[in-house]
Structures are given as C-alpha cells and as structure tokens.
Amino acid sequence: MTTQPPPQIDRALVQAFVGNAHGDLAEVQRLLEQEPALANAAWDWGGGDWETGLGAAAHMKDREIALYLLDHGARLDLFAAAMLGYVDVVRAMLAERPELKDAKGPHGIPLAAHASDEVLELLQ
C-alpha cells in the first residue's frame, strides 16, 4: 500500500509568506492560519537561494516573527539560533562542524550578520 503525498502548497502563497516574514507579523499570522504547512515552506529566489519564513526573520533580526514561527512548528536552524542568542545551540553545532562558522544563509548573508551579540562573541 502506497500513500500519496499531500499536494504542494501554492507557489504564490509560499512566496507571499516568505516575503512577509521579512517584517510583517500580522500577515505571517494570517497566512499561517490559512495554511499551517507554510511554517517550513521554502521559496527559491533563484539560483538555489532558498529561504524559509524563519530564515527571513533571522536575517532581518525579527525576534517576534522568529519566535512565532518556532511556536508554530518551524524547524530551528543555525541562523535563527544565532539571531535568537541560543549560544549553547550554536556552540554545540560548531563543536561538531567548525566550518559552519563561515556558513552563509539566504541571500548569501553570513552567519555573523545574523548573530546576537552573545553569539557574535562565540564566532570571533
């Protein structure tokens, strides 16, 4: 017995969600209520520049949107952990993979540009 995967989320909806996650909490909330799977949806801006709503909030340093998305099932990543000041999470990841110190997130933005002051100290 094979199960069919759920249908893909409308591409325009994903693009709108990720775009609004750059700073419009009310619209993020409205869209996520409409389609909860958007919490982990990713948009390709071109050339493999993939970004999730959490990724957008992380590089915009929008804590409120990031925490809202995490509360609604978004998967924590290194860039969001760095922005949120989750020093222990970042330290643990770098202990396993030191090369992540030079990782680049959406739009090629480096990890250090996402980092809270506490995490930035760890990266230096």
PDB file of N, CA and C in Angstrom:
ATOM      1  N   MET A   1       0.835  -1.162   0.000  1.00  0.00           N
ATOM      2  CA  MET A   1       0.000   0.000   0.000  1.00  0.00           C
ATOM      3  C   MET A   1       0.895   1.246   0.000  1.00  0.00           C
ATOM      4  N   THR A   2       0.695   2.104  -0.967  1.00  0.00           N
ATOM      5  CA  THR A   2       1.445   3.358  -1.034  1.00  0.00           C
ATOM      6  C   THR A   2       0.514   4.504  -0.680  1.00  0.00           C
ATOM      7  N   THR A   3       1.081   5.480  -0.035  1.00  0.00           N
ATOM      8  CA  THR A   3       0.290   6.656   0.309  1.00  0.00           C
ATOM      9  C   THR A   3       0.728   7.813  -0.573  1.00  0.00           C
ATOM     10  N   GLN A   4      -0.211   8.591  -0.941  1.00  0.00           N
ATOM     11  CA  GLN A   4       0.068   9.758  -1.769  1.00  0.00           C
ATOM     12  C   GLN A   4       0.546  10.904  -0.888  1.00  0.00           C
ATOM     13  N   PRO A   5       1.581  11.606  -1.332  1.00  0.00           N
ATOM     14  CA  PRO A   5       1.998  12.779  -0.560  1.00  0.00           C
ATOM     15  C   PRO A   5       0.926  13.863  -0.652  1.00  0.00           C
ATOM     16  N   PRO A   6       0.899  14.740   0.314  1.00  0.00           N
ATOM     17  CA  PRO A   6      -0.079  15.829   0.237  1.00  0.00           C
ATOM     18  C   PRO A   6       0.239  16.717  -0.962  1.00  0.00           C
ATOM     19  N   PRO A   7      -0.728  17.462  -1.434  1.00  0.00           N
ATOM     20  CA  PRO A   7      -0.464  18.342  -2.577  1.00  0.00           C
ATOM     21  C   PRO A   7       0.514  19.452  -2.192  1.00  0.00           C
ATOM     22  N   GLN A   8       1.238  19.938  -3.191  1.00  0.00           N
ATOM     23  CA  GLN A   8       2.157  21.049  -2.945  1.00  0.00           C
ATOM     24  C   GLN A   8       1.366  22.296  -2.556  1.00  0.00           C
ATOM     25  N   ILE A   9       2.008  23.123  -1.736  1.00  0.00           N
ATOM     26  CA  ILE A   9       1.415  24.408  -1.378  1.00  0.00           C
ATOM     27  C   ILE A   9       1.537  25.319  -2.591  1.00  0.00           C
ATOM     28  N   ASP A  10       0.524  26.107  -2.838  1.00  0.00           N
ATOM     29  CA  ASP A  10       0.541  27.045  -3.945  1.00  0.00           C
ATOM     30  C   ASP A  10       1.807  27.900  -3.886  1.00  0.00           C
ATOM     31  N   ARG A  11       2.531  27.966  -4.995  1.00  0.00           N
ATOM     32  CA  ARG A  11       3.803  28.694  -5.039  1.00  0.00           C
ATOM     33  C   ARG A  11       3.647  30.173  -4.689  1.00  0.00           C
ATOM     34  N   ALA A  12       2.598  30.793  -5.155  1.00  0.00           N
ATOM     35  CA  ALA A  12       2.389  32.216  -4.862  1.00  0.00           C
ATOM     36  C   ALA A  12       2.175  32.434  -3.362  1.00  0.00           C
ATOM     37  N   LEU A  13       1.531  31.477  -2.709  1.00  0.00           N
ATOM     38  CA  LEU A  13       1.309  31.563  -1.267  1.00  0.00           C
ATOM     39  C   LEU A  13       2.639  31.452  -0.516  1.00  0.00           C
ATOM     40  N   VAL A  14       3.489  30.529  -0.962  1.00  0.00           N
ATOM     41  CA  VAL A  14       4.807  30.369  -0.341  1.00  0.00           C
ATOM     42  C   VAL A  14       5.618  31.649  -0.515  1.00  0.00           C
ATOM     43  N   GLN A  15       5.639  32.195  -1.714  1.00  0.00           N
ATOM     44  CA  GLN A  15       6.396  33.416  -1.967  1.00  0.00           C
ATOM     45  C   GLN A  15       5.876  34.570  -1.100  1.00  0.00           C
ATOM     46  N   ALA A  16       4.562  34.698  -0.996  1.00  0.00           N
ATOM     47  CA  ALA A  16       3.981  35.756  -0.170  1.00  0.00           C
ATOM     48  C   ALA A  16       4.346  35.566   1.304  1.00  0.00           C
ATOM     49  N   PHE A  17       4.292  34.336   1.766  1.00  0.00           N
ATOM     50  CA  PHE A  17       4.606  34.050   3.164  1.00  0.00           C
ATOM     51  C   PHE A  17       6.053  34.405   3.483  1.00  0.00           C
ATOM     52  N   VAL A  18       6.973  33.911   2.676  1.00  0.00           N
ATOM     53  CA  VAL A  18       8.398  34.172   2.922  1.00  0.00           C
ATOM     54  C   VAL A  18       8.684  35.666   2.781  1.00  0.00           C
ATOM     55  N   GLY A  19       8.095  36.299   1.789  1.00  0.00           N
ATOM     56  CA  GLY A  19       8.293  37.735   1.622  1.00  0.00           C
ATOM     57  C   GLY A  19       7.818  38.516   2.833  1.00  0.00           C
ATOM     58  N   ASN A  20       6.655  38.166   3.351  1.00  0.00           N
ATOM     59  CA  ASN A  20       6.103  38.874   4.506  1.00  0.00           C
ATOM     60  C   ASN A  20       6.840  38.549   5.798  1.00  0.00           C
ATOM     61  N   ALA A  21       7.507  37.406   5.845  1.00  0.00           N
ATOM     62  CA  ALA A  21       8.271  37.043   7.042  1.00  0.00           C
ATOM     63  C   ALA A  21       9.493  37.943   7.227  1.00  0.00           C
ATOM     64  N   HIS A  22       9.751  38.809   6.274  1.00  0.00           N
ATOM     65  CA  HIS A  22      10.817  39.796   6.409  1.00  0.00           C
ATOM     66  C   HIS A  22      10.395  40.966   7.301  1.00  0.00           C
ATOM     67  N   GLY A  23       9.180  40.941   7.864  1.00  0.00           N
ATOM     68  CA  GLY A  23       8.834  42.017   8.775  1.00  0.00           C
ATOM     69  C   GLY A  23       7.361  42.262   9.043  1.00  0.00           C
ATOM     70  N   ASP A  24       6.460  41.496   8.447  1.00  0.00           N
ATOM     71  CA  ASP A  24       5.028  41.757   8.634  1.00  0.00           C
ATOM     72  C   ASP A  24       4.388  40.620   9.439  1.00  0.00           C
ATOM     73  N   LEU A  25       4.454  40.743  10.760  1.00  0.00           N
ATOM     74  CA  LEU A  25       3.938  39.685  11.634  1.00  0.00           C
ATOM     75  C   LEU A  25       2.464  39.414  11.400  1.00  0.00           C
ATOM     76  N   ALA A  26       1.662  40.437  11.263  1.00  0.00           N
ATOM     77  CA  ALA A  26       0.220  40.236  11.090  1.00  0.00           C
ATOM     78  C   ALA A  26      -0.076  39.403   9.848  1.00  0.00           C
ATOM     79  N   GLU A  27       0.626  39.676   8.767  1.00  0.00           N
ATOM     80  CA  GLU A  27       0.399  38.913   7.540  1.00  0.00           C
ATOM     81  C   GLU A  27       0.942  37.491   7.673  1.00  0.00           C
ATOM     82  N   VAL A  28       2.057  37.317   8.345  1.00  0.00           N
ATOM     83  CA  VAL A  28       2.588  35.975   8.617  1.00  0.00           C
ATOM     84  C   VAL A  28       1.559  35.173   9.408  1.00  0.00           C
ATOM     85  N   GLN A  29       0.982  35.779  10.414  1.00  0.00           N
ATOM     86  CA  GLN A  29      -0.024  35.089  11.230  1.00  0.00           C
ATOM     87  C   GLN A  29      -1.242  34.717  10.391  1.00  0.00           C
ATOM     88  N   ARG A  30      -1.688  35.651   9.567  1.00  0.00           N
ATOM     89  CA  ARG A  30      -2.867  35.394   8.732  1.00  0.00           C
ATOM     90  C   ARG A  30      -2.600  34.245   7.760  1.00  0.00           C
ATOM     91  N   LEU A  31      -1.460  34.281   7.101  1.00  0.00           N
ATOM     92  CA  LEU A  31      -1.143  33.241   6.115  1.00  0.00           C
ATOM     93  C   LEU A  31      -0.914  31.884   6.777  1.00  0.00           C
ATOM     94  N   LEU A  32      -0.268  31.883   7.936  1.00  0.00           N
ATOM     95  CA  LEU A  32      -0.019  30.621   8.628  1.00  0.00           C
ATOM     96  C   LEU A  32      -1.324  30.008   9.141  1.00  0.00           C
ATOM     97  N   GLU A  33      -2.267  30.851   9.526  1.00  0.00           N
ATOM     98  CA  GLU A  33      -3.576  30.344   9.934  1.00  0.00           C
ATOM     99  C   GLU A  33      -4.280  29.700   8.733  1.00  0.00           C
ATOM    100  N   GLN A  34      -4.119  30.312   7.578  1.00  0.00           N
ATOM    101  CA  GLN A  34      -4.716  29.796   6.337  1.00  0.00           C
ATOM    102  C   GLN A  34      -4.070  28.473   5.924  1.00  0.00           C
ATOM    103  N   GLU A  35      -2.731  28.381   6.077  1.00  0.00           N
ATOM    104  CA  GLU A  35      -2.005  27.180   5.648  1.00  0.00           C
ATOM    105  C   GLU A  35      -0.863  26.902   6.628  1.00  0.00           C
ATOM    106  N   PRO A  36      -1.109  26.068   7.664  1.00  0.00           N
ATOM    107  CA  PRO A  36      -0.093  25.790   8.677  1.00  0.00           C
ATOM    108  C   PRO A  36       1.213  25.201   8.140  1.00  0.00           C
ATOM    109  N   ALA A  37       1.161  24.511   7.011  1.00  0.00           N
ATOM    110  CA  ALA A  37       2.379  23.920   6.444  1.00  0.00           C
ATOM    111  C   ALA A  37       3.380  24.977   5.979  1.00  0.00           C
ATOM    112  N   LEU A  38       2.948  26.218   5.881  1.00  0.00           N
ATOM    113  CA  LEU A  38       3.874  27.290   5.499  1.00  0.00           C
ATOM    114  C   LEU A  38       4.994  27.471   6.514  1.00  0.00           C
ATOM    115  N   ALA A  39       4.820  26.988   7.723  1.00  0.00           N
ATOM    116  CA  ALA A  39       5.834  27.149   8.767  1.00  0.00           C
ATOM    117  C   ALA A  39       7.198  26.653   8.309  1.00  0.00           C
ATOM    118  N   ASN A  40       7.232  25.663   7.426  1.00  0.00           N
ATOM    119  CA  ASN A  40       8.504  25.121   6.945  1.00  0.00           C
ATOM    120  C   ASN A  40       8.656  25.192   5.434  1.00  0.00           C
ATOM    121  N   ALA A  41       7.772  25.910   4.783  1.00  0.00           N
ATOM    122  CA  ALA A  41       7.866  26.046   3.330  1.00  0.00           C
ATOM    123  C   ALA A  41       9.057  26.924   2.969  1.00  0.00           C
ATOM    124  N   ALA A  42       9.662  26.639   1.833  1.00  0.00           N
ATOM    125  CA  ALA A  42      10.824  27.409   1.372  1.00  0.00           C
ATOM    126  C   ALA A  42      10.572  27.941  -0.027  1.00  0.00           C
ATOM    127  N   TRP A  43      11.078  29.126  -0.262  1.00  0.00           N
ATOM    128  CA  TRP A  43      10.969  29.783  -1.569  1.00  0.00           C
ATOM    129  C   TRP A  43      12.352  29.873  -2.184  1.00  0.00           C
ATOM    130  N   ASP A  44      12.459  29.579  -3.478  1.00  0.00           N
ATOM    131  CA  ASP A  44      13.714  29.717  -4.212  1.00  0.00           C
ATOM    132  C   ASP A  44      13.691  31.052  -4.931  1.00  0.00           C
ATOM    133  N   TRP A  45      14.479  31.995  -4.428  1.00  0.00           N
ATOM    134  CA  TRP A  45      14.553  33.325  -5.032  1.00  0.00           C
ATOM    135  C   TRP A  45      15.312  33.286  -6.353  1.00  0.00           C
ATOM    136  N   GLY A  46      15.920  32.172  -6.657  1.00  0.00           N
ATOM    137  CA  GLY A  46      16.665  31.998  -7.904  1.00  0.00           C
ATOM    138  C   GLY A  46      18.070  31.505  -7.599  1.00  0.00           C
ATOM    139  N   GLY A  47      18.549  30.652  -8.457  1.00  0.00           N
ATOM    140  CA  GLY A  47      19.915  30.163  -8.307  1.00  0.00           C
ATOM    141  C   GLY A  47      20.146  29.363  -7.040  1.00  0.00           C
ATOM    142  N   GLY A  48      19.098  28.754  -6.525  1.00  0.00           N
ATOM    143  CA  GLY A  48      19.246  27.959  -5.311  1.00  0.00           C
ATOM    144  C   GLY A  48      19.275  28.777  -4.029  1.00  0.00           C
ATOM    145  N   ASP A  49      18.852  30.024  -4.087  1.00  0.00           N
ATOM    146  CA  ASP A  49      18.784  30.886  -2.911  1.00  0.00           C
ATOM    147  C   ASP A  49      17.466  30.597  -2.186  1.00  0.00           C
ATOM    148  N   TRP A  50      17.447  29.469  -1.468  1.00  0.00           N
ATOM    149  CA  TRP A  50      16.248  29.020  -0.766  1.00  0.00           C
ATOM    150  C   TRP A  50      16.106  29.744   0.553  1.00  0.00           C
ATOM    151  N   GLU A  51      14.872  30.102   0.887  1.00  0.00           N
ATOM    152  CA  GLU A  51      14.614  30.818   2.133  1.00  0.00           C
ATOM    153  C   GLU A  51      13.265  30.387   2.703  1.00  0.00           C
ATOM    154  N   THR A  52      13.243  30.176   4.001  1.00  0.00           N
ATOM    155  CA  THR A  52      12.003  29.911   4.722  1.00  0.00           C
ATOM    156  C   THR A  52      11.567  31.198   5.420  1.00  0.00           C
ATOM    157  N   GLY A  53      10.381  31.182   5.968  1.00  0.00           N
ATOM    158  CA  GLY A  53       9.943  32.325   6.761  1.00  0.00           C
ATOM    159  C   GLY A  53      10.878  32.562   7.941  1.00  0.00           C
ATOM    160  N   LEU A  54      11.308  31.485   8.584  1.00  0.00           N
ATOM    161  CA  LEU A  54      12.232  31.619   9.706  1.00  0.00           C
ATOM    162  C   LEU A  54      13.564  32.194   9.239  1.00  0.00           C
ATOM    163  N   GLY A  55      14.025  31.760   8.074  1.00  0.00           N
ATOM    164  CA  GLY A  55      15.262  32.316   7.531  1.00  0.00           C
ATOM    165  C   GLY A  55      15.149  33.805   7.275  1.00  0.00           C
ATOM    166  N   ALA A  56      13.991  34.225   6.768  1.00  0.00           N
ATOM    167  CA  ALA A  56      13.757  35.651   6.526  1.00  0.00           C
ATOM    168  C   ALA A  56      13.772  36.422   7.844  1.00  0.00           C
ATOM    169  N   ALA A  57      13.044  35.931   8.824  1.00  0.00           N
ATOM    170  CA  ALA A  57      13.002  36.605  10.121  1.00  0.00           C
ATOM    171  C   ALA A  57      14.391  36.656  10.750  1.00  0.00           C
ATOM    172  N   ALA A  58      15.171  35.597  10.575  1.00  0.00           N
ATOM    173  CA  ALA A  58      16.504  35.545  11.189  1.00  0.00           C
ATOM    174  C   ALA A  58      17.426  36.610  10.624  1.00  0.00           C
ATOM    175  N   HIS A  59      17.476  36.759   9.303  1.00  0.00           N
ATOM    176  CA  HIS A  59      18.422  37.752   8.785  1.00  0.00           C
ATOM    177  C   HIS A  59      17.899  39.176   8.928  1.00  0.00           C
ATOM    178  N   MET A  60      16.596  39.326   9.148  1.00  0.00           N
ATOM    179  CA  MET A  60      16.048  40.649   9.440  1.00  0.00           C
ATOM    180  C   MET A  60      16.110  40.957  10.945  1.00  0.00           C
ATOM    181  N   LYS A  61      16.562  39.964  11.717  1.00  0.00           N
ATOM    182  CA  LYS A  61      16.653  40.060  13.179  1.00  0.00           C
ATOM    183  C   LYS A  61      15.302  40.404  13.794  1.00  0.00           C
ATOM    184  N   ASP A  62      14.267  39.772  13.249  1.00  0.00           N
ATOM    185  CA  ASP A  62      12.910  39.978  13.753  1.00  0.00           C
ATOM    186  C   ASP A  62      12.561  38.839  14.711  1.00  0.00           C
ATOM    187  N   ARG A  63      12.893  39.060  15.962  1.00  0.00           N
ATOM    188  CA  ARG A  63      12.694  38.064  17.010  1.00  0.00           C
ATOM    189  C   ARG A  63      11.246  37.628  17.145  1.00  0.00           C
ATOM    190  N   GLU A  64      10.337  38.599  17.060  1.00  0.00           N
ATOM    191  CA  GLU A  64       8.921  38.309  17.262  1.00  0.00           C
ATOM    192  C   GLU A  64       8.404  37.335  16.206  1.00  0.00           C
ATOM    193  N   ILE A  65       8.734  37.577  14.955  1.00  0.00           N
ATOM    194  CA  ILE A  65       8.309  36.656  13.891  1.00  0.00           C
ATOM    195  C   ILE A  65       8.995  35.310  14.066  1.00  0.00           C
ATOM    196  N   ALA A  66      10.287  35.311  14.359  1.00  0.00           N
ATOM    197  CA  ALA A  66      11.011  34.046  14.518  1.00  0.00           C
ATOM    198  C   ALA A  66      10.398  33.195  15.625  1.00  0.00           C
ATOM    199  N   LEU A  67      10.140  33.802  16.769  1.00  0.00           N
ATOM    200  CA  LEU A  67       9.561  33.033  17.881  1.00  0.00           C
ATOM    201  C   LEU A  67       8.152  32.558  17.557  1.00  0.00           C
ATOM    202  N   TYR A  68       7.388  33.378  16.872  1.00  0.00           N
ATOM    203  CA  TYR A  68       6.037  32.968  16.459  1.00  0.00           C
ATOM    204  C   TYR A  68       6.126  31.731  15.555  1.00  0.00           C
ATOM    205  N   LEU A  69       7.042  31.768  14.593  1.00  0.00           N
ATOM    206  CA  LEU A  69       7.175  30.631  13.673  1.00  0.00           C
ATOM    207  C   LEU A  69       7.638  29.377  14.407  1.00  0.00           C
ATOM    208  N   LEU A  70       8.587  29.521  15.314  1.00  0.00           N
ATOM    209  CA  LEU A  70       9.040  28.359  16.090  1.00  0.00           C
ATOM    210  C   LEU A  70       7.898  27.795  16.928  1.00  0.00           C
ATOM    211  N   ASP A  71       7.088  28.673  17.493  1.00  0.00           N
ATOM    212  CA  ASP A  71       5.926  28.229  18.279  1.00  0.00           C
ATOM    213  C   ASP A  71       4.896  27.498  17.421  1.00  0.00           C
ATOM    214  N   HIS A  72       4.968  27.707  16.102  1.00  0.00           N
ATOM    215  CA  HIS A  72       4.017  27.074  15.184  1.00  0.00           C
ATOM    216  C   HIS A  72       4.666  26.028  14.290  1.00  0.00           C
ATOM    217  N   GLY A  73       5.760  25.441  14.767  1.00  0.00           N
ATOM    218  CA  GLY A  73       6.310  24.266  14.115  1.00  0.00           C
ATOM    219  C   GLY A  73       7.482  24.475  13.179  1.00  0.00           C
ATOM    220  N   ALA A  74       7.963  25.702  13.029  1.00  0.00           N
ATOM    221  CA  ALA A  74       9.142  25.900  12.176  1.00  0.00           C
ATOM    222  C   ALA A  74      10.328  25.163  12.788  1.00  0.00           C
ATOM    223  N   ARG A  75      11.193  24.648  11.920  1.00  0.00           N
ATOM    224  CA  ARG A  75      12.376  23.922  12.376  1.00  0.00           C
ATOM    225  C   ARG A  75      13.517  24.906  12.636  1.00  0.00           C
ATOM    226  N   LEU A  76      14.045  24.886  13.844  1.00  0.00           N
ATOM    227  CA  LEU A  76      15.153  25.755  14.226  1.00  0.00           C
ATOM    228  C   LEU A  76      16.377  25.435  13.383  1.00  0.00           C
ATOM    229  N   ASP A  77      17.029  26.469  12.874  1.00  0.00           N
ATOM    230  CA  ASP A  77      18.285  26.269  12.152  1.00  0.00           C
ATOM    231  C   ASP A  77      19.378  27.111  12.796  1.00  0.00           C
ATOM    232  N   LEU A  78      20.587  26.954  12.318  1.00  0.00           N
ATOM    233  CA  LEU A  78      21.749  27.630  12.879  1.00  0.00           C
ATOM    234  C   LEU A  78      21.592  29.149  12.841  1.00  0.00           C
ATOM    235  N   PHE A  79      21.074  29.673  11.755  1.00  0.00           N
ATOM    236  CA  PHE A  79      20.974  31.115  11.584  1.00  0.00           C
ATOM    237  C   PHE A  79      19.960  31.726  12.554  1.00  0.00           C
ATOM    238  N   ALA A  80      18.826  31.070  12.715  1.00  0.00           N
ATOM    239  CA  ALA A  80      17.821  31.548  13.675  1.00  0.00           C
ATOM    240  C   ALA A  80      18.355  31.401  15.099  1.00  0.00           C
ATOM    241  N   ALA A  81      19.036  30.298  15.386  1.00  0.00           N
ATOM    242  CA  ALA A  81      19.617  30.109  16.720  1.00  0.00           C
ATOM    243  C   ALA A  81      20.618  31.220  17.022  1.00  0.00           C
ATOM    244  N   ALA A  82      21.411  31.588  16.029  1.00  0.00           N
ATOM    245  CA  ALA A  82      22.392  32.665  16.219  1.00  0.00           C
ATOM    246  C   ALA A  82      21.705  33.992  16.478  1.00  0.00           C
ATOM    247  N   MET A  83      20.664  34.297  15.712  1.00  0.00           N
ATOM    248  CA  MET A  83      19.945  35.557  15.879  1.00  0.00           C
ATOM    249  C   MET A  83      19.252  35.623  17.239  1.00  0.00           C
ATOM    250  N   LEU A  84      18.693  34.508  17.675  1.00  0.00           N
ATOM    251  CA  LEU A  84      17.946  34.466  18.925  1.00  0.00           C
ATOM    252  C   LEU A  84      18.852  34.399  20.157  1.00  0.00           C
ATOM    253  N   GLY A  85      20.151  34.278  19.942  1.00  0.00           N
ATOM    254  CA  GLY A  85      21.085  34.229  21.067  1.00  0.00           C
ATOM    255  C   GLY A  85      21.139  32.884  21.757  1.00  0.00           C
ATOM    256  N   TYR A  86      20.807  31.822  21.045  1.00  0.00           N
ATOM    257  CA  TYR A  86      20.867  30.470  21.609  1.00  0.00           C
ATOM    258  C   TYR A  86      22.318  29.982  21.557  1.00  0.00           C
ATOM    259  N   VAL A  87      23.139  30.539  22.450  1.00  0.00           N
ATOM    260  CA  VAL A  87      24.578  30.303  22.441  1.00  0.00           C
ATOM    261  C   VAL A  87      24.902  28.814  22.546  1.00  0.00           C
ATOM    262  N   ASP A  88      24.227  28.105  23.422  1.00  0.00           N
ATOM    263  CA  ASP A  88      24.523  26.683  23.607  1.00  0.00           C
ATOM    264  C   ASP A  88      24.236  25.877  22.347  1.00  0.00           C
ATOM    265  N   VAL A  89      23.185  26.221  21.633  1.00  0.00           N
ATOM    266  CA  VAL A  89      22.853  25.521  20.386  1.00  0.00           C
ATOM    267  C   VAL A  89      23.926  25.795  19.346  1.00  0.00           C
ATOM    268  N   VAL A  90      24.295  27.053  19.192  1.00  0.00           N
ATOM    269  CA  VAL A  90      25.314  27.420  18.208  1.00  0.00           C
ATOM    270  C   VAL A  90      26.647  26.779  18.586  1.00  0.00           C
ATOM    271  N   ARG A  91      27.017  26.838  19.848  1.00  0.00           N
ATOM    272  CA  ARG A  91      28.276  26.233  20.310  1.00  0.00           C
ATOM    273  C   ARG A  91      28.303  24.735  19.997  1.00  0.00           C
ATOM    274  N   ALA A  92      27.204  24.050  20.263  1.00  0.00           N
ATOM    275  CA  ALA A  92      27.141  22.608  20.006  1.00  0.00           C
ATOM    276  C   ALA A  92      27.281  22.303  18.512  1.00  0.00           C
ATOM    277  N   MET A  93      26.631  23.089  17.685  1.00  0.00           N
ATOM    278  CA  MET A  93      26.725  22.860  16.240  1.00  0.00           C
ATOM    279  C   MET A  93      28.146  23.115  15.743  1.00  0.00           C
ATOM    280  N   LEU A  94      28.771  24.181  16.234  1.00  0.00           N
ATOM    281  CA  LEU A  94      30.137  24.487  15.808  1.00  0.00           C
ATOM    282  C   LEU A  94      31.135  23.464  16.335  1.00  0.00           C
ATOM    283  N   ALA A  95      30.856  22.878  17.488  1.00  0.00           N
ATOM    284  CA  ALA A  95      31.738  21.838  18.021  1.00  0.00           C
ATOM    285  C   ALA A  95      31.759  20.632  17.090  1.00  0.00           C
ATOM    286  N   GLU A  96      30.620  20.303  16.523  1.00  0.00           N
ATOM    287  CA  GLU A  96      30.528  19.177  15.592  1.00  0.00           C
ATOM    288  C   GLU A  96      30.998  19.537  14.189  1.00  0.00           C
ATOM    289  N   ARG A  97      30.722  20.757  13.772  1.00  0.00           N
ATOM    290  CA  ARG A  97      31.034  21.197  12.407  1.00  0.00           C
ATOM    291  C   ARG A  97      31.633  22.609  12.444  1.00  0.00           C
ATOM    292  N   PRO A  98      32.911  22.744  12.800  1.00  0.00           N
ATOM    293  CA  PRO A  98      33.526  24.078  12.939  1.00  0.00           C
ATOM    294  C   PRO A  98      33.432  24.940  11.675  1.00  0.00           C
ATOM    295  N   GLU A  99      33.368  24.310  10.534  1.00  0.00           N
ATOM    296  CA  GLU A  99      33.297  25.067   9.278  1.00  0.00           C
ATOM    297  C   GLU A  99      31.993  25.856   9.135  1.00  0.00           C
ATOM    298  N   LEU A 100      30.996  25.531   9.950  1.00  0.00           N
ATOM    299  CA  LEU A 100      29.742  26.279   9.909  1.00  0.00           C
ATOM    300  C   LEU A 100      29.911  27.731  10.346  1.00  0.00           C
ATOM    301  N   LYS A 101      31.027  28.034  10.998  1.00  0.00           N
ATOM    302  CA  LYS A 101      31.311  29.418  11.389  1.00  0.00           C
ATOM    303  C   LYS A 101      31.267  30.343  10.174  1.00  0.00           C
ATOM    304  N   ASP A 102      31.622  29.799   9.006  1.00  0.00           N
ATOM    305  CA  ASP A 102      31.650  30.586   7.767  1.00  0.00           C
ATOM    306  C   ASP A 102      30.431  30.338   6.879  1.00  0.00           C
ATOM    307  N   ALA A 103      29.393  29.713   7.440  1.00  0.00           N
ATOM    308  CA  ALA A 103      28.203  29.384   6.658  1.00  0.00           C
ATOM    309  C   ALA A 103      27.482  30.654   6.212  1.00  0.00           C
ATOM    310  N   LYS A 104      26.852  30.530   5.069  1.00  0.00           N
ATOM    311  CA  LYS A 104      26.041  31.625   4.540  1.00  0.00           C
ATOM    312  C   LYS A 104      24.591  31.159   4.458  1.00  0.00           C
ATOM    313  N   GLY A 105      23.692  32.038   4.845  1.00  0.00           N
ATOM    314  CA  GLY A 105      22.271  31.737   4.831  1.00  0.00           C
ATOM    315  C   GLY A 105      21.624  32.275   3.569  1.00  0.00           C
ATOM    316  N   PRO A 106      20.312  32.482   3.615  1.00  0.00           N
ATOM    317  CA  PRO A 106      19.617  33.040   2.460  1.00  0.00           C
ATOM    318  C   PRO A 106      20.281  34.339   1.986  1.00  0.00           C
ATOM    319  N   HIS A 107      20.282  34.509   0.690  1.00  0.00           N
ATOM    320  CA  HIS A 107      20.843  35.689   0.026  1.00  0.00           C
ATOM    321  C   HIS A 107      22.349  35.806   0.241  1.00  0.00           C
ATOM    322  N   GLY A 108      22.980  34.710   0.685  1.00  0.00           N
ATOM    323  CA  GLY A 108      24.427  34.726   0.914  1.00  0.00           C
ATOM    324  C   GLY A 108      24.839  35.498   2.154  1.00  0.00           C
ATOM    325  N   ILE A 109      23.898  35.764   3.047  1.00  0.00           N
ATOM    326  CA  ILE A 109      24.204  36.534   4.257  1.00  0.00           C
ATOM    327  C   ILE A 109      24.937  35.630   5.249  1.00  0.00           C
ATOM    328  N   PRO A 110      26.131  36.059   5.694  1.00  0.00           N
ATOM    329  CA  PRO A 110      26.930  35.203   6.586  1.00  0.00           C
ATOM    330  C   PRO A 110      26.311  35.038   7.975  1.00  0.00           C
ATOM    331  N   LEU A 111      26.693  33.949   8.610  1.00  0.00           N
ATOM    332  CA  LEU A 111      26.201  33.629   9.950  1.00  0.00           C
ATOM    333  C   LEU A 111      26.424  34.795  10.914  1.00  0.00           C
ATOM    334  N   ALA A 112      27.592  35.414  10.873  1.00  0.00           N
ATOM    335  CA  ALA A 112      27.909  36.500  11.804  1.00  0.00           C
ATOM    336  C   ALA A 112      26.922  37.659  11.685  1.00  0.00           C
ATOM    337  N   ALA A 113      26.398  37.910  10.496  1.00  0.00           N
ATOM    338  CA  ALA A 113      25.445  39.008  10.313  1.00  0.00           C
ATOM    339  C   ALA A 113      24.102  38.707  10.977  1.00  0.00           C
ATOM    340  N   HIS A 114      23.814  37.446  11.207  1.00  0.00           N
ATOM    341  CA  HIS A 114      22.586  37.044  11.883  1.00  0.00           C
ATOM    342  C   HIS A 114      22.730  37.108  13.403  1.00  0.00           C
ATOM    343  N   ALA A 115      23.947  37.033  13.885  1.00  0.00           N
ATOM    344  CA  ALA A 115      24.221  36.712  15.284  1.00  0.00           C
ATOM    345  C   ALA A 115      23.879  37.826  16.263  1.00  0.00           C
ATOM    346  N   SER A 116      23.354  37.400  17.410  1.00  0.00           N
ATOM    347  CA  SER A 116      23.190  38.294  18.553  1.00  0.00           C
ATOM    348  C   SER A 116      24.582  38.632  19.063  1.00  0.00           C
ATOM    349  N   ASP A 117      24.676  39.608  19.936  1.00  0.00           N
ATOM    350  CA  ASP A 117      25.988  39.992  20.483  1.00  0.00           C
ATOM    351  C   ASP A 117      26.680  38.810  21.171  1.00  0.00           C
ATOM    352  N   GLU A 118      25.905  38.001  21.922  1.00  0.00           N
ATOM    353  CA  GLU A 118      26.476  36.867  22.637  1.00  0.00           C
ATOM    354  C   GLU A 118      27.033  35.822  21.670  1.00  0.00           C
ATOM    355  N   VAL A 119      26.314  35.565  20.614  1.00  0.00           N
ATOM    356  CA  VAL A 119      26.762  34.579  19.629  1.00  0.00           C
ATOM    357  C   VAL A 119      27.929  35.137  18.827  1.00  0.00           C
ATOM    358  N   LEU A 120      27.898  36.430  18.541  1.00  0.00           N
ATOM    359  CA  LEU A 120      28.991  37.049  17.801  1.00  0.00           C
ATOM    360  C   LEU A 120      30.311  36.875  18.551  1.00  0.00           C
ATOM    361  N   GLU A 121      30.283  37.005  19.860  1.00  0.00           N
ATOM    362  CA  GLU A 121      31.497  36.765  20.667  1.00  0.00           C
ATOM    363  C   GLU A 121      32.003  35.345  20.463  1.00  0.00           C
ATOM    364  N   LEU A 122      31.102  34.398  20.417  1.00  0.00           N
ATOM    365  CA  LEU A 122      31.472  32.996  20.189  1.00  0.00           C
ATOM    366  C   LEU A 122      32.112  32.797  18.820  1.00  0.00           C
ATOM    367  N   LEU A 123      31.638  33.511  17.843  1.00  0.00           N
ATOM    368  CA  LEU A 123      32.130  33.351  16.461  1.00  0.00           C
ATOM    369  C   LEU A 123      33.506  33.982  16.263  1.00  0.00           C
ATOM    370  N   GLN A 124      33.882  34.930  17.126  1.00  0.00           N
ATOM    371  CA  GLN A 124      35.169  35.617  16.932  1.00  0.00           C
ATOM    372  C   GLN A 124      36.319  34.909  17.567  1.00  0.00           C
TER     373      GLN A 124
END
